[in-house]
Structures are given as C-alpha cells and as structure tokens.
Amino acid sequence: MAFETKEQSQAYWNKNLKLMVILMTIWFVVSFGCGILFVDALNTIQIGGYKLGFWFAQQGSIYVFLGIIFVYARQMRKLDREFGVDDE
C-alpha cells in the first residue's frame, strides 16, 4: 500500500479511525448498555418467550458484533477504492 502524499495517508487513516470509533461505540452501547445498563427496562419486552435484556446479553450483542465486522469490511473496501489502495 503506497500513498502519493503524506496528506493522502493521513486522510485515509483519519477516515479509518472515524469508522472504527463509530462502530466500536455502537458495539459498546449494544453490549454494555443493552446487556447491563438498560437490562431492567428491556426485560419488560419479550421475544420468543425470552426477556429482551437477557437476549441482548446472551445473543444480541454477538449478532451486532458480527454485523459490525461485515460493515467494517464493506466500508474499508470502499475507502480503499476511494484512495486507490485496493487489491484490484
């Protein structure tokens, strides 16, 4: 991976870091917030016989994390193409 200028390299990594901060914030809110902080409020809702707070603590945060992995890969592919550093 080679950038033509230092400014391009810095812009690339700034966008990468911004994306990571956004996705990690979503992950934190879902895993810590929904699984621990908001569990009492979420437990008033049931899905398939299970309380929603329990579901987020056991399964939901994992599903969200897997979704975040796919979103990150897709967005990084777009970013790589934008800056001309993709594999193609």
PDB file of N, CA and C in Angstrom:
ATOM      1  N   MET A   1       0.850  -1.156   0.000  1.00  0.00           N
ATOM      2  CA  MET A   1       0.000   0.000   0.000  1.00  0.00           C
ATOM      3  C   MET A   1       0.906   1.232   0.000  1.00  0.00           C
ATOM      4  N   ALA A   2       0.751   2.047  -1.005  1.00  0.00           N
ATOM      5  CA  ALA A   2       1.574   3.258  -1.092  1.00  0.00           C
ATOM      6  C   ALA A   2       0.686   4.447  -1.439  1.00  0.00           C
ATOM      7  N   PHE A   3       0.826   5.495  -0.660  1.00  0.00           N
ATOM      8  CA  PHE A   3       0.101   6.724  -0.913  1.00  0.00           C
ATOM      9  C   PHE A   3       1.042   7.705  -1.601  1.00  0.00           C
ATOM     10  N   GLU A   4       0.457   8.542  -2.434  1.00  0.00           N
ATOM     11  CA  GLU A   4       1.274   9.514  -3.159  1.00  0.00           C
ATOM     12  C   GLU A   4       1.788  10.605  -2.241  1.00  0.00           C
ATOM     13  N   THR A   5       0.976  11.029  -1.294  1.00  0.00           N
ATOM     14  CA  THR A   5       1.396  12.101  -0.391  1.00  0.00           C
ATOM     15  C   THR A   5       1.097  11.724   1.056  1.00  0.00           C
ATOM     16  N   LYS A   6       1.757  12.424   1.942  1.00  0.00           N
ATOM     17  CA  LYS A   6       1.513  12.213   3.370  1.00  0.00           C
ATOM     18  C   LYS A   6       0.099  12.641   3.736  1.00  0.00           C
ATOM     19  N   GLU A   7      -0.434  13.650   3.051  1.00  0.00           N
ATOM     20  CA  GLU A   7      -1.794  14.112   3.324  1.00  0.00           C
ATOM     21  C   GLU A   7      -2.813  13.035   2.977  1.00  0.00           C
ATOM     22  N   GLN A   8      -2.593  12.315   1.871  1.00  0.00           N
ATOM     23  CA  GLN A   8      -3.492  11.223   1.497  1.00  0.00           C
ATOM     24  C   GLN A   8      -3.461  10.125   2.557  1.00  0.00           C
ATOM     25  N   SER A   9      -2.270   9.803   3.005  1.00  0.00           N
ATOM     26  CA  SER A   9      -2.114   8.778   4.032  1.00  0.00           C
ATOM     27  C   SER A   9      -2.830   9.196   5.314  1.00  0.00           C
ATOM     28  N   GLN A  10      -2.657  10.440   5.703  1.00  0.00           N
ATOM     29  CA  GLN A  10      -3.299  10.943   6.919  1.00  0.00           C
ATOM     30  C   GLN A  10      -4.818  10.960   6.767  1.00  0.00           C
ATOM     31  N   ALA A  11      -5.325  11.359   5.616  1.00  0.00           N
ATOM     32  CA  ALA A  11      -6.770  11.383   5.380  1.00  0.00           C
ATOM     33  C   ALA A  11      -7.352   9.975   5.427  1.00  0.00           C
ATOM     34  N   TYR A  12      -6.641   9.025   4.855  1.00  0.00           N
ATOM     35  CA  TYR A  12      -7.071   7.621   4.860  1.00  0.00           C
ATOM     36  C   TYR A  12      -7.205   7.116   6.297  1.00  0.00           C
ATOM     37  N   TRP A  13      -6.176   7.325   7.093  1.00  0.00           N
ATOM     38  CA  TRP A  13      -6.201   6.819   8.464  1.00  0.00           C
ATOM     39  C   TRP A  13      -7.189   7.584   9.331  1.00  0.00           C
ATOM     40  N   ASN A  14      -7.396   8.857   9.074  1.00  0.00           N
ATOM     41  CA  ASN A  14      -8.412   9.601   9.814  1.00  0.00           C
ATOM     42  C   ASN A  14      -9.804   9.038   9.551  1.00  0.00           C
ATOM     43  N   LYS A  15     -10.102   8.729   8.289  1.00  0.00           N
ATOM     44  CA  LYS A  15     -11.399   8.138   7.962  1.00  0.00           C
ATOM     45  C   LYS A  15     -11.524   6.743   8.563  1.00  0.00           C
ATOM     46  N   ASN A  16     -10.443   5.983   8.542  1.00  0.00           N
ATOM     47  CA  ASN A  16     -10.443   4.652   9.130  1.00  0.00           C
ATOM     48  C   ASN A  16     -10.717   4.739  10.636  1.00  0.00           C
ATOM     49  N   LEU A  17     -10.038   5.640  11.327  1.00  0.00           N
ATOM     50  CA  LEU A  17     -10.240   5.796  12.763  1.00  0.00           C
ATOM     51  C   LEU A  17     -11.655   6.274  13.092  1.00  0.00           C
ATOM     52  N   LYS A  18     -12.185   7.177  12.285  1.00  0.00           N
ATOM     53  CA  LYS A  18     -13.549   7.654  12.499  1.00  0.00           C
ATOM     54  C   LYS A  18     -14.540   6.494  12.384  1.00  0.00           C
ATOM     55  N   LEU A  19     -14.365   5.658  11.369  1.00  0.00           N
ATOM     56  CA  LEU A  19     -15.225   4.496  11.185  1.00  0.00           C
ATOM     57  C   LEU A  19     -15.115   3.547  12.377  1.00  0.00           C
ATOM     58  N   MET A  20     -13.898   3.291  12.834  1.00  0.00           N
ATOM     59  CA  MET A  20     -13.705   2.392  13.969  1.00  0.00           C
ATOM     60  C   MET A  20     -14.349   2.944  15.234  1.00  0.00           C
ATOM     61  N   VAL A  21     -14.218   4.239  15.473  1.00  0.00           N
ATOM     62  CA  VAL A  21     -14.813   4.841  16.668  1.00  0.00           C
ATOM     63  C   VAL A  21     -16.337   4.719  16.621  1.00  0.00           C
ATOM     64  N   ILE A  22     -16.929   4.972  15.477  1.00  0.00           N
ATOM     65  CA  ILE A  22     -18.387   4.859  15.339  1.00  0.00           C
ATOM     66  C   ILE A  22     -18.839   3.429  15.594  1.00  0.00           C
ATOM     67  N   LEU A  23     -18.174   2.463  14.960  1.00  0.00           N
ATOM     68  CA  LEU A  23     -18.583   1.069  15.099  1.00  0.00           C
ATOM     69  C   LEU A  23     -18.337   0.544  16.513  1.00  0.00           C
ATOM     70  N   MET A  24     -17.245   0.942  17.129  1.00  0.00           N
ATOM     71  CA  MET A  24     -16.968   0.488  18.487  1.00  0.00           C
ATOM     72  C   MET A  24     -17.932   1.131  19.492  1.00  0.00           C
ATOM     73  N   THR A  25     -18.383   2.344  19.207  1.00  0.00           N
ATOM     74  CA  THR A  25     -19.385   2.978  20.058  1.00  0.00           C
ATOM     75  C   THR A  25     -20.704   2.220  19.977  1.00  0.00           C
ATOM     76  N   ILE A  26     -21.086   1.840  18.773  1.00  0.00           N
ATOM     77  CA  ILE A  26     -22.307   1.040  18.596  1.00  0.00           C
ATOM     78  C   ILE A  26     -22.169  -0.274  19.357  1.00  0.00           C
ATOM     79  N   TRP A  27     -21.022  -0.936  19.212  1.00  0.00           N
ATOM     80  CA  TRP A  27     -20.798  -2.199  19.904  1.00  0.00           C
ATOM     81  C   TRP A  27     -20.883  -2.018  21.417  1.00  0.00           C
ATOM     82  N   PHE A  28     -20.287  -0.949  21.942  1.00  0.00           N
ATOM     83  CA  PHE A  28     -20.311  -0.693  23.381  1.00  0.00           C
ATOM     84  C   PHE A  28     -21.736  -0.456  23.868  1.00  0.00           C
ATOM     85  N   VAL A  29     -22.479   0.372  23.153  1.00  0.00           N
ATOM     86  CA  VAL A  29     -23.850   0.678  23.565  1.00  0.00           C
ATOM     87  C   VAL A  29     -24.700  -0.591  23.572  1.00  0.00           C
ATOM     88  N   VAL A  30     -24.544  -1.416  22.553  1.00  0.00           N
ATOM     89  CA  VAL A  30     -25.347  -2.636  22.484  1.00  0.00           C
ATOM     90  C   VAL A  30     -24.911  -3.651  23.539  1.00  0.00           C
ATOM     91  N   SER A  31     -23.617  -3.910  23.642  1.00  0.00           N
ATOM     92  CA  SER A  31     -23.174  -4.956  24.557  1.00  0.00           C
ATOM     93  C   SER A  31     -23.260  -4.512  26.015  1.00  0.00           C
ATOM     94  N   PHE A  32     -22.722  -3.362  26.345  1.00  0.00           N
ATOM     95  CA  PHE A  32     -22.716  -2.897  27.738  1.00  0.00           C
ATOM     96  C   PHE A  32     -24.042  -2.244  28.097  1.00  0.00           C
ATOM     97  N   GLY A  33     -24.529  -1.383  27.214  1.00  0.00           N
ATOM     98  CA  GLY A  33     -25.765  -0.663  27.505  1.00  0.00           C
ATOM     99  C   GLY A  33     -26.970  -1.573  27.556  1.00  0.00           C
ATOM    100  N   CYS A  34     -27.223  -2.304  26.479  1.00  0.00           N
ATOM    101  CA  CYS A  34     -28.419  -3.155  26.417  1.00  0.00           C
ATOM    102  C   CYS A  34     -28.279  -4.399  27.287  1.00  0.00           C
ATOM    103  N   GLY A  35     -27.072  -4.899  27.446  1.00  0.00           N
ATOM    104  CA  GLY A  35     -26.870  -6.120  28.225  1.00  0.00           C
ATOM    105  C   GLY A  35     -26.734  -5.884  29.710  1.00  0.00           C
ATOM    106  N   ILE A  36     -26.377  -4.659  30.134  1.00  0.00           N
ATOM    107  CA  ILE A  36     -26.147  -4.402  31.561  1.00  0.00           C
ATOM    108  C   ILE A  36     -26.950  -3.194  32.057  1.00  0.00           C
ATOM    109  N   LEU A  37     -26.742  -2.031  31.444  1.00  0.00           N
ATOM    110  CA  LEU A  37     -27.343  -0.804  31.966  1.00  0.00           C
ATOM    111  C   LEU A  37     -28.855  -0.738  31.795  1.00  0.00           C
ATOM    112  N   PHE A  38     -29.335  -1.097  30.628  1.00  0.00           N
ATOM    113  CA  PHE A  38     -30.763  -0.961  30.322  1.00  0.00           C
ATOM    114  C   PHE A  38     -31.514  -2.285  30.426  1.00  0.00           C
ATOM    115  N   VAL A  39     -30.913  -3.272  31.093  1.00  0.00           N
ATOM    116  CA  VAL A  39     -31.491  -4.606  31.115  1.00  0.00           C
ATOM    117  C   VAL A  39     -32.867  -4.629  31.790  1.00  0.00           C
ATOM    118  N   ASP A  40     -33.057  -3.878  32.839  1.00  0.00           N
ATOM    119  CA  ASP A  40     -34.353  -3.889  33.530  1.00  0.00           C
ATOM    120  C   ASP A  40     -35.466  -3.347  32.636  1.00  0.00           C
ATOM    121  N   ALA A  41     -35.177  -2.270  31.924  1.00  0.00           N
ATOM    122  CA  ALA A  41     -36.186  -1.711  31.014  1.00  0.00           C
ATOM    123  C   ALA A  41     -36.450  -2.648  29.842  1.00  0.00           C
ATOM    124  N   LEU A  42     -35.388  -3.274  29.332  1.00  0.00           N
ATOM    125  CA  LEU A  42     -35.558  -4.178  28.194  1.00  0.00           C
ATOM    126  C   LEU A  42     -36.245  -5.479  28.588  1.00  0.00           C
ATOM    127  N   ASN A  43     -36.110  -5.882  29.835  1.00  0.00           N
ATOM    128  CA  ASN A  43     -36.723  -7.132  30.274  1.00  0.00           C
ATOM    129  C   ASN A  43     -38.240  -7.065  30.325  1.00  0.00           C
ATOM    130  N   THR A  44     -38.821  -5.888  30.175  1.00  0.00           N
ATOM    131  CA  THR A  44     -40.277  -5.774  30.122  1.00  0.00           C
ATOM    132  C   THR A  44     -40.815  -6.228  28.770  1.00  0.00           C
ATOM    133  N   ILE A  45     -39.918  -6.382  27.787  1.00  0.00           N
ATOM    134  CA  ILE A  45     -40.287  -6.827  26.442  1.00  0.00           C
ATOM    135  C   ILE A  45     -39.802  -8.266  26.272  1.00  0.00           C
ATOM    136  N   GLN A  46     -40.652  -9.096  25.685  1.00  0.00           N
ATOM    137  CA  GLN A  46     -40.261 -10.487  25.462  1.00  0.00           C
ATOM    138  C   GLN A  46     -40.260 -10.813  23.974  1.00  0.00           C
ATOM    139  N   ILE A  47     -39.272 -11.604  23.570  1.00  0.00           N
ATOM    140  CA  ILE A  47     -39.191 -12.098  22.198  1.00  0.00           C
ATOM    141  C   ILE A  47     -39.033 -13.612  22.276  1.00  0.00           C
ATOM    142  N   GLY A  48     -39.976 -14.321  21.709  1.00  0.00           N
ATOM    143  CA  GLY A  48     -39.900 -15.781  21.710  1.00  0.00           C
ATOM    144  C   GLY A  48     -39.875 -16.377  23.103  1.00  0.00           C
ATOM    145  N   GLY A  49     -40.496 -15.706  24.067  1.00  0.00           N
ATOM    146  CA  GLY A  49     -40.535 -16.211  25.421  1.00  0.00           C
ATOM    147  C   GLY A  49     -39.356 -15.797  26.284  1.00  0.00           C
ATOM    148  N   TYR A  50     -38.387 -15.105  25.702  1.00  0.00           N
ATOM    149  CA  TYR A  50     -37.219 -14.657  26.460  1.00  0.00           C
ATOM    150  C   TYR A  50     -37.275 -13.147  26.646  1.00  0.00           C
ATOM    151  N   LYS A  51     -36.802 -12.709  27.792  1.00  0.00           N
ATOM    152  CA  LYS A  51     -36.753 -11.277  28.050  1.00  0.00           C
ATOM    153  C   LYS A  51     -35.703 -10.643  27.148  1.00  0.00           C
ATOM    154  N   LEU A  52     -36.014  -9.460  26.628  1.00  0.00           N
ATOM    155  CA  LEU A  52     -35.141  -8.804  25.653  1.00  0.00           C
ATOM    156  C   LEU A  52     -33.775  -8.463  26.245  1.00  0.00           C
ATOM    157  N   GLY A  53     -33.706  -8.050  27.500  1.00  0.00           N
ATOM    158  CA  GLY A  53     -32.419  -7.764  28.132  1.00  0.00           C
ATOM    159  C   GLY A  53     -31.541  -8.999  28.189  1.00  0.00           C
ATOM    160  N   PHE A  54     -32.138 -10.136  28.540  1.00  0.00           N
ATOM    161  CA  PHE A  54     -31.406 -11.403  28.567  1.00  0.00           C
ATOM    162  C   PHE A  54     -30.923 -11.754  27.164  1.00  0.00           C
ATOM    163  N   TRP A  55     -31.804 -11.560  26.163  1.00  0.00           N
ATOM    164  CA  TRP A  55     -31.434 -11.891  24.794  1.00  0.00           C
ATOM    165  C   TRP A  55     -30.242 -11.061  24.332  1.00  0.00           C
ATOM    166  N   PHE A  56     -30.252  -9.750  24.613  1.00  0.00           N
ATOM    167  CA  PHE A  56     -29.121  -8.902  24.227  1.00  0.00           C
ATOM    168  C   PHE A  56     -27.843  -9.341  24.929  1.00  0.00           C
ATOM    169  N   ALA A  57     -27.945  -9.687  26.202  1.00  0.00           N
ATOM    170  CA  ALA A  57     -26.753 -10.100  26.944  1.00  0.00           C
ATOM    171  C   ALA A  57     -26.195 -11.414  26.412  1.00  0.00           C
ATOM    172  N   GLN A  58     -27.060 -12.320  25.957  1.00  0.00           N
ATOM    173  CA  GLN A  58     -26.611 -13.645  25.538  1.00  0.00           C
ATOM    174  C   GLN A  58     -26.363 -13.762  24.036  1.00  0.00           C
ATOM    175  N   GLN A  59     -27.219 -13.179  23.225  1.00  0.00           N
ATOM    176  CA  GLN A  59     -27.135 -13.375  21.779  1.00  0.00           C
ATOM    177  C   GLN A  59     -27.030 -12.083  20.980  1.00  0.00           C
ATOM    178  N   GLY A  60     -27.800 -11.107  21.345  1.00  0.00           N
ATOM    179  CA  GLY A  60     -27.919  -9.885  20.550  1.00  0.00           C
ATOM    180  C   GLY A  60     -26.608  -9.174  20.327  1.00  0.00           C
ATOM    181  N   SER A  61     -25.801  -9.057  21.378  1.00  0.00           N
ATOM    182  CA  SER A  61     -24.527  -8.359  21.217  1.00  0.00           C
ATOM    183  C   SER A  61     -23.588  -9.119  20.284  1.00  0.00           C
ATOM    184  N   ILE A  62     -23.689 -10.444  20.271  1.00  0.00           N
ATOM    185  CA  ILE A  62     -22.864 -11.239  19.354  1.00  0.00           C
ATOM    186  C   ILE A  62     -23.298 -10.990  17.914  1.00  0.00           C
ATOM    187  N   TYR A  63     -24.603 -10.988  17.679  1.00  0.00           N
ATOM    188  CA  TYR A  63     -25.105 -10.730  16.327  1.00  0.00           C
ATOM    189  C   TYR A  63     -24.719  -9.332  15.854  1.00  0.00           C
ATOM    190  N   VAL A  64     -24.827  -8.360  16.742  1.00  0.00           N
ATOM    191  CA  VAL A  64     -24.450  -6.993  16.390  1.00  0.00           C
ATOM    192  C   VAL A  64     -22.962  -6.934  16.073  1.00  0.00           C
ATOM    193  N   PHE A  65     -22.134  -7.608  16.871  1.00  0.00           N
ATOM    194  CA  PHE A  65     -20.699  -7.613  16.625  1.00  0.00           C
ATOM    195  C   PHE A  65     -20.372  -8.243  15.261  1.00  0.00           C
ATOM    196  N   LEU A  66     -21.033  -9.334  14.916  1.00  0.00           N
ATOM    197  CA  LEU A  66     -20.823  -9.939  13.593  1.00  0.00           C
ATOM    198  C   LEU A  66     -21.248  -8.982  12.482  1.00  0.00           C
ATOM    199  N   GLY A  67     -22.357  -8.283  12.685  1.00  0.00           N
ATOM    200  CA  GLY A  67     -22.789  -7.289  11.707  1.00  0.00           C
ATOM    201  C   GLY A  67     -21.777  -6.173  11.557  1.00  0.00           C
ATOM    202  N   ILE A  68     -21.199  -5.751  12.670  1.00  0.00           N
ATOM    203  CA  ILE A  68     -20.184  -4.701  12.635  1.00  0.00           C
ATOM    204  C   ILE A  68     -18.973  -5.143  11.829  1.00  0.00           C
ATOM    205  N   ILE A  69     -18.581  -6.402  11.946  1.00  0.00           N
ATOM    206  CA  ILE A  69     -17.447  -6.925  11.165  1.00  0.00           C
ATOM    207  C   ILE A  69     -17.726  -6.797   9.675  1.00  0.00           C
ATOM    208  N   PHE A  70     -18.926  -7.174   9.251  1.00  0.00           N
ATOM    209  CA  PHE A  70     -19.274  -7.078   7.828  1.00  0.00           C
ATOM    210  C   PHE A  70     -19.356  -5.626   7.361  1.00  0.00           C
ATOM    211  N   VAL A  71     -19.923  -4.753   8.190  1.00  0.00           N
ATOM    212  CA  VAL A  71     -20.000  -3.334   7.838  1.00  0.00           C
ATOM    213  C   VAL A  71     -18.596  -2.748   7.714  1.00  0.00           C
ATOM    214  N   TYR A  72     -17.710  -3.084   8.655  1.00  0.00           N
ATOM    215  CA  TYR A  72     -16.338  -2.572   8.611  1.00  0.00           C
ATOM    216  C   TYR A  72     -15.624  -3.040   7.335  1.00  0.00           C
ATOM    217  N   ALA A  73     -15.767  -4.305   6.999  1.00  0.00           N
ATOM    218  CA  ALA A  73     -15.114  -4.833   5.790  1.00  0.00           C
ATOM    219  C   ALA A  73     -15.632  -4.126   4.541  1.00  0.00           C
ATOM    220  N   ARG A  74     -16.946  -3.922   4.463  1.00  0.00           N
ATOM    221  CA  ARG A  74     -17.532  -3.259   3.291  1.00  0.00           C
ATOM    222  C   ARG A  74     -17.080  -1.800   3.203  1.00  0.00           C
ATOM    223  N   GLN A  75     -17.116  -1.106   4.330  1.00  0.00           N
ATOM    224  CA  GLN A  75     -16.723   0.304   4.331  1.00  0.00           C
ATOM    225  C   GLN A  75     -15.231   0.474   4.040  1.00  0.00           C
ATOM    226  N   MET A  76     -14.403  -0.430   4.535  1.00  0.00           N
ATOM    227  CA  MET A  76     -12.969  -0.342   4.255  1.00  0.00           C
ATOM    228  C   MET A  76     -12.681  -0.636   2.780  1.00  0.00           C
ATOM    229  N   ARG A  77     -13.452  -1.524   2.181  1.00  0.00           N
ATOM    230  CA  ARG A  77     -13.296  -1.783   0.742  1.00  0.00           C
ATOM    231  C   ARG A  77     -13.591  -0.506  -0.043  1.00  0.00           C
ATOM    232  N   LYS A  78     -14.669   0.202   0.352  1.00  0.00           N
ATOM    233  CA  LYS A  78     -14.994   1.476  -0.302  1.00  0.00           C
ATOM    234  C   LYS A  78     -13.895   2.497  -0.083  1.00  0.00           C
ATOM    235  N   LEU A  79     -13.383   2.573   1.133  1.00  0.00           N
ATOM    236  CA  LEU A  79     -12.320   3.524   1.458  1.00  0.00           C
ATOM    237  C   LEU A  79     -11.046   3.207   0.680  1.00  0.00           C
ATOM    238  N   ASP A  80     -10.704   1.937   0.573  1.00  0.00           N
ATOM    239  CA  ASP A  80      -9.523   1.534  -0.200  1.00  0.00           C
ATOM    240  C   ASP A  80      -9.663   1.944  -1.665  1.00  0.00           C
ATOM    241  N   ARG A  81     -10.863   1.739  -2.224  1.00  0.00           N
ATOM    242  CA  ARG A  81     -11.087   2.140  -3.617  1.00  0.00           C
ATOM    243  C   ARG A  81     -11.014   3.654  -3.778  1.00  0.00           C
ATOM    244  N   GLU A  82     -11.557   4.370  -2.812  1.00  0.00           N
ATOM    245  CA  GLU A  82     -11.549   5.833  -2.862  1.00  0.00           C
ATOM    246  C   GLU A  82     -10.117   6.378  -2.901  1.00  0.00           C
ATOM    247  N   PHE A  83      -9.230   5.768  -2.146  1.00  0.00           N
ATOM    248  CA  PHE A  83      -7.853   6.237  -2.078  1.00  0.00           C
ATOM    249  C   PHE A  83      -6.920   5.481  -3.012  1.00  0.00           C
ATOM    250  N   GLY A  84      -7.453   4.546  -3.798  1.00  0.00           N
ATOM    251  CA  GLY A  84      -6.644   3.840  -4.786  1.00  0.00           C
ATOM    252  C   GLY A  84      -5.659   2.861  -4.200  1.00  0.00           C
ATOM    253  N   VAL A  85      -5.991   2.275  -3.064  1.00  0.00           N
ATOM    254  CA  VAL A  85      -5.075   1.307  -2.440  1.00  0.00           C
ATOM    255  C   VAL A  85      -5.709  -0.067  -2.330  1.00  0.00           C
ATOM    256  N   ASP A  86      -6.743  -0.325  -3.146  1.00  0.00           N
ATOM    257  CA  ASP A  86      -7.380  -1.632  -3.106  1.00  0.00           C
ATOM    258  C   ASP A  86      -6.534  -2.672  -3.833  1.00  0.00           C
ATOM    259  N   ASP A  87      -6.900  -3.911  -3.684  1.00  0.00           N
ATOM    260  CA  ASP A  87      -6.127  -5.018  -4.258  1.00  0.00           C
ATOM    261  C   ASP A  87      -6.301  -5.165  -5.759  1.00  0.00           C
ATOM    262  N   GLU A  88      -7.296  -4.551  -6.319  1.00  0.00           N
ATOM    263  CA  GLU A  88      -7.579  -4.725  -7.754  1.00  0.00           C
ATOM    264  C   GLU A  88      -6.764  -3.791  -8.614  1.00  0.00           C
TER     265      GLU A  88
END
